[in-house]
Protein backbone atom coordinates (compact mmCIF):
# COMPACT_ATOMS: atom_id res chain seq x y z
CA MET A 1 122.52 169.73 131.00
CA ASP A 2 123.24 171.82 127.81
CA THR A 3 120.24 172.84 125.86
CA HIS A 4 119.32 175.27 123.26
CA THR A 5 116.00 176.47 124.48
CA ALA A 6 114.28 177.24 127.87
CA VAL A 7 110.79 178.25 128.66
CA LEU A 8 110.67 181.54 130.75
CA VAL A 9 107.53 182.00 132.75
CA VAL A 10 107.10 185.87 133.99
CA ASP A 11 105.33 186.82 137.14
CA VAL A 12 102.40 184.10 136.69
CA GLN A 13 101.53 184.79 140.64
CA VAL A 14 98.37 184.46 142.57
CA GLY A 15 97.93 188.01 143.26
CA LEU A 16 98.05 188.77 139.44
CA ILE A 17 95.77 185.88 138.46
CA GLU A 18 93.28 186.00 141.28
CA GLY A 19 93.89 189.32 143.30
CA PRO A 20 91.79 192.49 143.21
CA LYS A 21 92.67 193.60 139.84
CA PRO A 22 93.05 190.20 138.04
CA VAL A 23 94.44 190.12 134.51
CA TYR A 24 92.71 189.44 131.49
CA GLU A 25 91.57 185.81 131.03
CA GLY A 26 94.24 184.79 133.66
CA ALA A 27 92.71 180.96 134.24
CA ALA A 28 92.98 180.53 130.57
CA THR A 29 96.38 182.02 130.20
CA VAL A 30 97.85 179.96 132.95
CA GLY A 31 96.33 176.76 131.40
CA ARG A 32 97.84 177.38 128.07
CA ILE A 33 101.28 178.08 130.01
CA LYS A 34 101.08 174.82 131.83
CA LEU A 35 100.67 172.82 128.71
CA LEU A 36 103.61 174.78 127.13
CA THR A 37 105.70 173.94 130.38
CA ASP A 38 104.36 170.31 130.11
CA ARG A 39 105.82 170.07 126.54
CA ALA A 40 109.00 171.85 127.52
CA ARG A 41 109.66 169.12 130.29
CA ALA A 42 108.76 166.15 128.12
CA ALA A 43 111.28 167.46 125.53
CA GLY A 44 113.85 167.96 128.32
CA LEU A 45 113.88 171.71 128.44
CA PRO A 46 114.48 173.69 131.42
CA VAL A 47 111.61 175.73 132.81
CA ILE A 48 112.36 179.12 134.49
CA TYR A 49 109.85 181.01 136.81
CA ILE A 50 110.27 184.77 137.64
CA GLN A 51 108.52 186.25 140.52
CA ASP A 52 108.32 190.01 140.97
CA ASN A 53 108.74 191.25 144.43
CA ASP A 54 106.34 193.97 143.86
CA VAL A 55 103.23 191.82 143.27
CA ALA A 56 102.50 191.09 146.98
CA PRO A 57 104.82 190.94 150.24
CA VAL A 58 107.46 188.48 149.35
CA GLU A 59 106.37 184.73 150.62
CA SER A 60 102.65 185.83 151.06
CA ASP A 61 99.98 183.57 149.41
CA ASP A 62 99.65 186.24 146.67
CA TRP A 63 103.44 186.35 145.87
CA GLN A 64 103.29 182.59 145.20
CA LEU A 65 103.41 181.20 141.75
CA HIS A 66 99.95 180.39 140.61
CA PRO A 67 99.21 176.67 141.84
CA ALA A 68 97.73 175.65 138.48
CA LEU A 69 101.17 176.06 136.71
CA GLU A 70 102.06 173.07 138.97
CA ALA A 71 106.01 174.41 139.07
CA ARG A 72 108.21 171.40 140.08
CA PRO A 73 110.97 171.38 142.51
CA GLY A 74 113.72 171.18 139.80
CA ASP A 75 112.44 174.17 138.04
CA LEU A 76 114.59 177.26 138.50
CA ARG A 77 113.08 180.12 140.24
CA LEU A 78 114.11 183.70 140.49
CA ARG A 79 113.07 186.81 142.11
CA LYS A 80 113.10 190.24 140.65
CA ALA A 81 112.40 193.99 141.71
CA TYR A 82 112.21 195.50 138.33
CA ALA A 83 110.07 194.80 135.10
CA ASP A 84 113.07 193.52 132.99
CA SER A 85 113.57 189.95 134.48
CA PHE A 86 117.26 190.32 133.77
CA TYR A 87 117.91 193.61 135.54
CA HIS A 88 119.86 193.00 138.90
CA THR A 89 119.13 189.29 138.73
CA THR A 90 121.30 186.07 137.95
CA LEU A 91 118.96 185.04 135.08
CA HIS A 92 121.72 185.78 132.31
CA ASP A 93 124.32 184.08 134.22
CA LYS A 94 121.94 181.07 134.64
CA LEU A 95 120.92 180.98 131.17
CA SER A 96 124.56 181.16 129.88
CA ALA A 97 125.64 178.16 132.16
CA LEU A 98 122.94 176.33 130.73
CA GLY A 99 123.83 176.95 127.21
CA ILE A 100 120.40 178.69 126.44
CA ARG A 101 120.56 180.77 123.22
CA ARG A 102 116.53 180.72 122.54
CA LEU A 103 113.85 181.96 125.12
CA VAL A 104 110.04 181.00 124.80
CA ILE A 105 108.60 183.78 126.84
CA CYS A 106 105.16 183.91 128.45
CA GLY A 107 103.49 185.39 131.50
CA CYS A 108 102.27 188.95 133.03
CA LYS A 109 102.00 191.88 132.37
CA THR A 110 102.18 192.29 128.65
CA ASP A 111 102.43 195.73 128.81
CA ALA A 112 105.58 195.82 131.24
CA CYS A 113 107.32 192.64 132.52
CA VAL A 114 106.81 190.71 129.24
CA GLU A 115 107.54 193.39 127.03
CA MET A 116 110.84 194.66 128.66
CA THR A 117 112.01 191.13 129.27
CA CYS A 118 111.65 190.33 125.54
CA ARG A 119 113.37 193.56 124.51
CA ARG A 120 116.12 192.99 127.10
CA ALA A 121 116.68 189.40 126.00
CA VAL A 122 117.19 190.34 122.41
CA SER A 123 119.86 192.88 123.29
CA LEU A 124 121.57 190.31 125.36
CA GLY A 125 121.81 187.96 122.20
CA TYR A 126 118.73 185.64 122.88
CA ASP A 127 116.25 184.68 120.13
CA VAL A 128 112.85 185.04 121.47
CA VAL A 129 109.56 183.23 121.00
CA LEU A 130 106.69 185.44 122.59
CA VAL A 131 103.96 183.32 122.96
CA GLY A 132 100.82 185.42 121.71
CA ASP A 133 98.26 183.55 123.38
CA ALA A 134 99.97 182.91 126.70
CA HIS A 135 100.61 186.46 128.13
CA THR A 136 98.31 188.61 129.53
CA THR A 137 97.64 192.14 131.42
CA THR A 138 95.16 194.56 133.00
CA ASP A 139 93.36 197.50 131.33
CA ASN A 140 95.43 200.56 131.59
CA ARG A 141 94.56 204.35 130.76
CA PHE A 142 94.84 204.00 127.32
CA LEU A 143 94.00 200.59 125.98
CA THR A 144 92.11 197.47 127.41
CA ALA A 145 93.83 194.38 128.27
CA PRO A 146 92.70 192.61 124.82
CA GLN A 147 94.04 195.68 123.09
CA SER A 148 97.55 195.84 124.82
CA ILE A 149 98.00 192.30 124.24
CA GLY A 150 96.91 192.59 120.53
CA TYR A 151 99.28 195.69 120.19
CA TYR A 152 102.31 194.13 121.69
CA ASN A 153 101.96 190.96 119.58
CA VAL A 154 102.23 193.38 116.66
CA VAL A 155 104.72 195.56 117.98
CA LEU A 156 107.23 192.80 119.11
CA ASP A 157 106.99 190.60 116.38
CA GLY A 158 110.20 190.86 114.28
CA PHE A 159 111.68 193.13 116.93
CA GLY A 160 115.27 192.88 116.48
CA ALA A 161 115.60 191.79 112.73
CA GLU A 162 113.07 194.10 111.10
CA ASP A 163 114.65 197.42 112.64
CA GLY A 164 118.25 196.18 112.71
CA PHE A 165 118.63 196.56 116.50
CA GLY A 166 121.42 194.79 117.59
CA GLY A 167 122.59 194.19 114.18
CA GLY A 168 119.81 192.19 113.25
CA GLU A 169 121.21 188.97 114.74
CA HIS A 170 118.45 188.17 117.07
CA GLU A 171 114.86 188.93 116.92
CA VAL A 172 111.59 188.33 118.59
CA LEU A 173 109.01 185.86 116.85
CA VAL A 174 105.34 185.87 118.13
CA GLN A 175 103.54 182.48 117.80
CA ALA A 176 100.63 180.93 119.31
CA ALA A 177 101.31 178.42 122.29
CA ALA A 178 100.31 175.41 120.08
CA GLU A 179 102.75 176.48 117.32
CA VAL A 180 105.88 176.91 119.41
CA GLU A 181 108.55 174.17 118.44
CA LEU A 182 110.29 172.89 121.88
CA GLU A 183 113.39 171.12 121.02
CA ARG A 184 116.92 170.49 122.80
C-alpha cells in the first residue's frame, strides 16, 4: 500500500496512562487518539504504535498498549529503547517502504518521546502534524503537565520552516485532533 500519511502513536502504554504516576488527562487523551486512529483507518491510512521498553518490563501488563486504543492486528508495532522513536529502530525504513511523507504524531510523553520524535522526523524529511490535544505528560521539576503541553505546542509549531532547520523544507504543524486532515 502506497500512502502519503501515517498516524504515529508514541508510547500510549498502560503504565503511563494508569500507572503509579499517570500522565495528565490520560483517559481523555487516549479517547482523542482512538478517534484519530479510527478516522485514519477509515481513510485507508496506516496506524503505527511505538512501545517504549523503559515504561515497564517488556511484555508485562503495564508495558502493553492501552486497551482503549483498540489496536488492531494489522497495525504496525515497533519497540524502542530511547526517547527518539527513530533511533535504533526500523521506523524510518518501514515508513519509507510505505511511501510515507507526512506523520501525524500523538502520544506520551510530551517533553521527551513526543518532542524528540517530532524533531527527528523533520530532520529525516517528514512533514509532521503534532496533534496538540492528543499528547500528554506528567509534571516535571519546572512545569506542570498542562504547562509542558502548552509550551511544546508553541515551541514545536513551525519547527523546521520558521527557523530554516533542514533548509526549511519540512516542518511541524500543531493542530487539534478534530482539525487534522487525514487523506491518502
